[in-house]
N, C-alpha and C. Protein backbone atom coordinates (compact mmCIF):
# COMPACT_ATOMS: atom_id res chain seq x y z
N MET A 1 -185.01 91.46 -21.22
CA MET A 1 -183.54 91.09 -20.79
C MET A 1 -182.74 91.27 -22.02
N GLN A 2 -181.58 92.05 -21.92
CA GLN A 2 -180.78 92.27 -23.06
C GLN A 2 -179.72 91.09 -23.21
N LYS A 3 -179.54 90.89 -24.57
CA LYS A 3 -178.54 89.75 -24.83
C LYS A 3 -177.29 90.05 -24.64
N LYS A 4 -176.26 89.16 -24.15
CA LYS A 4 -174.95 89.40 -23.97
C LYS A 4 -174.14 89.06 -25.13
N PHE A 5 -173.33 90.05 -25.64
CA PHE A 5 -172.41 89.54 -26.67
C PHE A 5 -171.06 89.53 -26.25
N ASN A 6 -170.05 88.85 -26.78
CA ASN A 6 -168.70 88.95 -26.60
C ASN A 6 -167.92 90.09 -27.12
N ILE A 7 -168.69 90.52 -28.22
CA ILE A 7 -168.12 91.60 -28.79
C ILE A 7 -168.62 92.98 -28.51
N LYS A 8 -167.71 94.00 -28.09
CA LYS A 8 -168.32 95.44 -27.77
C LYS A 8 -167.89 96.45 -28.66
N LYS A 9 -168.39 97.68 -28.55
CA LYS A 9 -168.30 98.69 -29.42
C LYS A 9 -166.71 99.03 -29.27
N GLY A 10 -165.98 99.36 -30.20
CA GLY A 10 -164.71 99.74 -30.09
C GLY A 10 -163.65 98.46 -30.20
N ASP A 11 -164.10 97.31 -30.06
CA ASP A 11 -163.23 96.21 -30.51
C ASP A 11 -163.06 96.15 -32.15
N THR A 12 -161.66 95.41 -32.34
CA THR A 12 -161.22 95.23 -33.68
C THR A 12 -161.77 93.58 -34.06
N VAL A 13 -162.37 93.54 -35.17
CA VAL A 13 -163.03 92.29 -35.56
C VAL A 13 -162.52 91.99 -36.90
N THR A 14 -162.88 90.64 -37.19
CA THR A 14 -162.29 90.27 -38.48
C THR A 14 -163.64 89.36 -39.14
N VAL A 15 -164.03 89.58 -40.36
CA VAL A 15 -165.10 88.97 -41.10
C VAL A 15 -164.74 87.55 -41.32
N ILE A 16 -165.35 86.44 -40.97
CA ILE A 16 -165.24 85.09 -41.19
C ILE A 16 -166.23 84.42 -42.19
N ALA A 17 -167.22 85.10 -42.54
CA ALA A 17 -167.94 84.56 -43.62
C ALA A 17 -168.72 85.66 -44.46
N GLY A 18 -169.22 85.41 -45.58
CA GLY A 18 -169.95 86.49 -46.50
C GLY A 18 -168.86 86.95 -47.46
N ASP A 19 -169.40 88.03 -48.25
CA ASP A 19 -168.63 88.77 -49.09
C ASP A 19 -167.39 89.55 -48.55
N SER A 20 -167.52 90.03 -47.62
CA SER A 20 -166.46 90.81 -46.83
C SER A 20 -165.49 89.91 -46.15
N LYS A 21 -165.43 88.84 -46.36
CA LYS A 21 -164.33 87.74 -45.54
C LYS A 21 -163.14 88.29 -45.71
N GLY A 22 -162.49 87.95 -44.44
CA GLY A 22 -160.97 88.48 -44.50
C GLY A 22 -160.80 89.95 -43.95
N GLN A 23 -161.81 90.70 -44.04
CA GLN A 23 -161.58 92.15 -43.77
C GLN A 23 -161.60 92.39 -42.43
N GLN A 24 -161.03 93.32 -41.88
CA GLN A 24 -160.86 93.82 -40.51
C GLN A 24 -161.40 95.06 -40.41
N GLY A 25 -161.97 95.39 -39.11
CA GLY A 25 -162.22 96.78 -38.66
C GLY A 25 -162.66 96.98 -37.37
N ARG A 26 -163.06 98.18 -36.93
CA ARG A 26 -163.28 98.48 -35.64
C ARG A 26 -164.80 98.61 -35.47
N VAL A 27 -165.30 97.83 -34.36
CA VAL A 27 -166.96 97.97 -34.35
C VAL A 27 -167.42 99.53 -33.81
N LEU A 28 -168.23 99.96 -34.72
CA LEU A 28 -168.87 101.22 -34.65
C LEU A 28 -170.02 101.31 -33.72
N SER A 29 -171.05 100.32 -33.98
CA SER A 29 -172.24 100.14 -33.01
C SER A 29 -172.78 98.80 -33.19
N VAL A 30 -173.54 98.55 -32.02
CA VAL A 30 -173.99 97.16 -31.79
C VAL A 30 -175.46 97.28 -31.87
N ASN A 31 -176.10 96.31 -32.40
CA ASN A 31 -177.65 96.20 -32.27
C ASN A 31 -178.01 95.00 -31.67
N ARG A 32 -178.33 94.99 -30.55
CA ARG A 32 -178.69 93.52 -29.67
C ARG A 32 -179.98 93.00 -30.14
N ASP A 33 -180.92 93.89 -30.52
CA ASP A 33 -182.33 93.29 -30.98
C ASP A 33 -182.07 92.45 -32.26
N LYS A 34 -181.33 92.97 -33.05
CA LYS A 34 -181.20 92.12 -34.43
C LYS A 34 -179.89 91.43 -34.56
N ASN A 35 -179.16 91.25 -33.39
CA ASN A 35 -177.89 90.59 -33.41
C ASN A 35 -176.75 91.03 -34.44
N THR A 36 -176.88 92.27 -34.87
CA THR A 36 -175.83 92.73 -35.72
C THR A 36 -175.08 93.99 -35.36
N LEU A 37 -173.90 94.11 -36.14
CA LEU A 37 -172.82 95.13 -35.53
C LEU A 37 -172.62 96.00 -37.04
N ILE A 38 -172.12 97.09 -36.72
CA ILE A 38 -171.69 97.90 -37.77
C ILE A 38 -170.15 98.10 -37.63
N VAL A 39 -169.47 97.60 -38.69
CA VAL A 39 -167.81 97.65 -38.58
C VAL A 39 -167.28 98.58 -39.61
N GLU A 40 -166.40 99.33 -39.37
CA GLU A 40 -165.83 100.62 -39.96
C GLU A 40 -164.99 99.88 -41.26
N GLY A 41 -165.53 100.14 -42.53
CA GLY A 41 -164.91 99.94 -43.70
C GLY A 41 -165.22 98.49 -44.08
N VAL A 42 -166.23 98.00 -43.63
CA VAL A 42 -166.44 96.45 -43.98
C VAL A 42 -167.97 96.54 -44.35
N ASN A 43 -168.35 95.68 -45.30
CA ASN A 43 -169.85 95.38 -45.86
C ASN A 43 -170.43 96.71 -46.41
N LEU A 44 -169.59 97.42 -47.23
CA LEU A 44 -169.93 98.55 -47.75
C LEU A 44 -171.15 98.58 -48.82
N ILE A 45 -172.12 99.49 -48.87
CA ILE A 45 -173.08 99.48 -49.69
C ILE A 45 -173.17 100.93 -50.37
N SER A 46 -173.72 101.15 -51.58
CA SER A 46 -173.89 102.24 -52.26
C SER A 46 -175.32 102.69 -51.83
N LYS A 47 -175.39 103.91 -51.25
CA LYS A 47 -176.74 104.53 -50.81
C LYS A 47 -176.78 105.67 -51.84
N HIS A 48 -178.18 105.82 -52.88
CA HIS A 48 -178.32 106.90 -53.31
C HIS A 48 -179.26 107.79 -52.78
N THR A 49 -178.63 109.23 -52.79
CA THR A 49 -179.09 110.15 -51.95
C THR A 49 -179.69 111.18 -52.66
N LYS A 50 -180.63 111.93 -52.35
CA LYS A 50 -181.31 113.26 -53.36
C LYS A 50 -180.47 114.44 -52.58
N PRO A 51 -180.51 115.37 -53.25
CA PRO A 51 -179.62 116.70 -52.93
C PRO A 51 -180.47 117.24 -51.44
N ASN A 52 -179.85 117.58 -50.77
CA ASN A 52 -180.23 118.22 -49.32
C ASN A 52 -179.31 119.19 -48.61
N THR A 53 -179.56 119.79 -47.52
CA THR A 53 -178.64 120.70 -47.02
C THR A 53 -177.18 119.83 -46.54
N LYS A 54 -177.23 118.74 -46.23
CA LYS A 54 -175.98 118.01 -45.71
C LYS A 54 -175.18 117.68 -47.20
N SER A 55 -175.89 117.17 -47.96
CA SER A 55 -175.05 116.92 -49.33
C SER A 55 -175.77 117.58 -50.66
N PRO A 56 -175.38 118.95 -50.88
CA PRO A 56 -176.10 119.71 -51.88
C PRO A 56 -176.21 119.12 -53.21
N LYS A 57 -175.05 118.23 -53.54
CA LYS A 57 -175.09 117.52 -54.97
C LYS A 57 -175.98 116.28 -54.83
N GLY A 58 -176.20 115.63 -53.49
CA GLY A 58 -176.83 114.20 -53.70
C GLY A 58 -175.71 113.17 -54.28
N GLY A 59 -176.14 112.17 -54.83
CA GLY A 59 -175.40 111.40 -55.50
C GLY A 59 -175.40 109.91 -54.70
N ILE A 60 -174.28 109.37 -55.03
CA ILE A 60 -174.21 107.94 -54.38
C ILE A 60 -173.09 107.77 -53.31
N LEU A 61 -173.26 107.54 -52.17
CA LEU A 61 -172.53 107.58 -51.11
C LEU A 61 -172.30 105.99 -50.82
N LYS A 62 -171.06 105.68 -50.33
CA LYS A 62 -170.63 104.55 -49.64
C LYS A 62 -170.76 104.68 -48.29
N LYS A 63 -171.42 103.40 -47.63
CA LYS A 63 -171.85 103.45 -46.23
C LYS A 63 -171.81 101.94 -45.73
N GLU A 64 -171.32 102.03 -44.65
CA GLU A 64 -171.22 100.58 -43.94
C GLU A 64 -172.66 100.03 -43.70
N ALA A 65 -173.03 98.77 -44.03
CA ALA A 65 -174.01 98.05 -43.63
C ALA A 65 -174.18 97.28 -42.51
N SER A 66 -174.76 96.64 -41.79
CA SER A 66 -174.96 96.08 -40.61
C SER A 66 -174.33 94.64 -41.01
N ILE A 67 -173.80 93.81 -40.32
CA ILE A 67 -173.38 92.56 -40.40
C ILE A 67 -173.54 91.63 -39.21
N HIS A 68 -174.11 90.32 -39.44
CA HIS A 68 -174.64 89.60 -38.35
C HIS A 68 -173.40 89.10 -37.54
N ILE A 69 -173.42 89.06 -36.17
CA ILE A 69 -172.48 88.77 -35.13
C ILE A 69 -171.82 87.33 -35.47
N SER A 70 -172.59 86.38 -35.85
CA SER A 70 -172.16 85.15 -36.34
C SER A 70 -171.17 85.05 -37.40
N ASN A 71 -170.96 86.19 -38.07
CA ASN A 71 -169.77 86.38 -39.25
C ASN A 71 -168.68 86.96 -38.98
N LEU A 72 -168.54 87.35 -37.50
CA LEU A 72 -167.35 88.13 -36.90
C LEU A 72 -166.62 87.50 -35.89
N MET A 73 -165.25 87.62 -35.80
CA MET A 73 -164.49 87.07 -34.69
C MET A 73 -163.70 87.96 -34.13
N LEU A 74 -163.54 88.18 -32.95
CA LEU A 74 -162.69 89.23 -32.51
C LEU A 74 -161.17 88.96 -32.63
N VAL A 75 -160.39 89.97 -32.80
CA VAL A 75 -159.13 89.95 -33.02
C VAL A 75 -158.30 90.22 -32.03
N ASP A 76 -157.30 89.13 -31.69
CA ASP A 76 -156.50 89.22 -30.33
C ASP A 76 -155.34 90.40 -30.60
N ALA A 77 -155.27 91.46 -29.81
CA ALA A 77 -154.35 92.42 -30.00
C ALA A 77 -153.01 92.07 -30.05
N SER A 78 -152.72 91.15 -29.18
CA SER A 78 -151.26 90.43 -29.14
C SER A 78 -150.79 89.82 -30.44
N THR A 79 -151.72 88.91 -31.02
CA THR A 79 -151.18 88.28 -32.21
C THR A 79 -151.63 88.65 -33.49
N GLY A 80 -152.87 89.64 -33.29
CA GLY A 80 -153.36 90.14 -34.56
C GLY A 80 -154.25 88.98 -35.43
N LYS A 81 -154.48 88.00 -34.61
CA LYS A 81 -155.22 86.90 -35.32
C LYS A 81 -156.60 86.66 -34.47
N PRO A 82 -157.71 86.17 -35.57
CA PRO A 82 -158.95 85.75 -34.94
C PRO A 82 -158.92 84.85 -33.62
N THR A 83 -159.74 85.24 -32.68
CA THR A 83 -159.72 84.17 -31.41
C THR A 83 -161.17 84.31 -30.80
N LYS A 84 -161.36 83.05 -30.17
CA LYS A 84 -162.62 82.79 -29.36
C LYS A 84 -162.31 83.49 -28.13
N ILE A 85 -163.47 83.79 -27.47
CA ILE A 85 -163.54 84.73 -26.48
C ILE A 85 -164.21 83.87 -25.10
N GLY A 86 -163.53 83.95 -23.88
CA GLY A 86 -163.94 83.36 -22.78
C GLY A 86 -163.99 84.23 -21.65
N HIS A 87 -164.83 83.95 -20.65
CA HIS A 87 -164.83 84.71 -19.45
C HIS A 87 -164.38 84.06 -18.08
N LYS A 88 -163.66 84.82 -17.26
CA LYS A 88 -163.18 84.42 -16.03
C LYS A 88 -163.15 85.53 -14.94
N LEU A 89 -162.95 85.01 -13.89
CA LEU A 89 -162.82 86.26 -12.64
C LEU A 89 -161.38 86.48 -12.74
N ASN A 90 -160.91 87.81 -12.44
CA ASN A 90 -159.71 88.25 -12.29
C ASN A 90 -159.38 88.18 -10.75
N ASP A 91 -158.16 88.70 -10.56
CA ASP A 91 -157.90 88.82 -9.27
C ASP A 91 -158.66 89.77 -8.40
N LYS A 92 -159.34 90.49 -8.77
CA LYS A 92 -160.08 91.46 -8.16
C LYS A 92 -161.69 90.92 -8.21
N ASN A 93 -161.87 89.76 -8.38
CA ASN A 93 -163.08 89.20 -8.46
C ASN A 93 -164.18 89.94 -9.30
N LYS A 94 -163.59 90.29 -10.61
CA LYS A 94 -164.35 91.01 -11.60
C LYS A 94 -164.41 90.16 -12.87
N ARG A 95 -165.43 90.07 -13.66
CA ARG A 95 -165.45 89.22 -14.66
C ARG A 95 -165.06 89.80 -15.98
N VAL A 96 -163.96 89.30 -16.53
CA VAL A 96 -163.52 89.79 -17.46
C VAL A 96 -163.28 88.66 -18.81
N ARG A 97 -163.11 89.32 -20.12
CA ARG A 97 -163.02 88.59 -21.22
C ARG A 97 -161.62 88.31 -21.34
N TYR A 98 -161.34 87.07 -21.87
CA TYR A 98 -159.81 86.80 -22.26
C TYR A 98 -159.83 85.99 -23.61
N SER A 99 -158.71 85.93 -24.19
CA SER A 99 -158.33 85.12 -25.47
C SER A 99 -158.23 83.71 -25.27
N LYS A 100 -159.09 82.99 -25.82
CA LYS A 100 -158.69 81.45 -25.45
C LYS A 100 -157.45 80.94 -26.22
N LYS A 101 -156.95 81.61 -27.38
CA LYS A 101 -155.80 81.15 -27.93
C LYS A 101 -154.43 81.49 -27.03
N THR A 102 -154.41 82.75 -26.49
CA THR A 102 -153.16 83.07 -25.70
C THR A 102 -153.50 83.14 -24.09
N GLY A 103 -154.79 82.99 -23.85
CA GLY A 103 -155.16 83.15 -22.40
C GLY A 103 -154.80 84.48 -21.75
N LYS A 104 -154.48 85.51 -22.48
CA LYS A 104 -154.49 86.92 -22.03
C LYS A 104 -155.83 87.59 -22.20
N GLU A 105 -155.99 88.47 -20.95
CA GLU A 105 -157.20 89.44 -20.90
C GLU A 105 -157.20 90.44 -21.84
N ILE A 106 -158.67 90.72 -22.31
CA ILE A 106 -158.90 91.56 -23.37
C ILE A 106 -159.35 92.87 -22.75
N LYS A 107 -158.86 93.94 -23.06
CA LYS A 107 -159.16 95.14 -22.24
C LYS A 107 -160.36 95.84 -23.05
């Protein structure tokens, strides 16, 4: 059975703990097995690469590393601040996410 996350690919999140605390970015990928996400421009690491066809010179590349979901919080689009997420049924009886701060539906 797959785990259900409140955060999905494409959401904007902020880091609430760790070295990258306070940074914001868009979710690039979700790993449900390890409870981790990769966020654009957050938790950067230096990756040493040998020369190959993709990078003929090789060298040191900056790359996003995964970050645990417990260290992230969804950013409310209307206020731009982190918010907790709830679930409710909308008028069409479809389960949707909503911001617990503002009560507005999250697209």
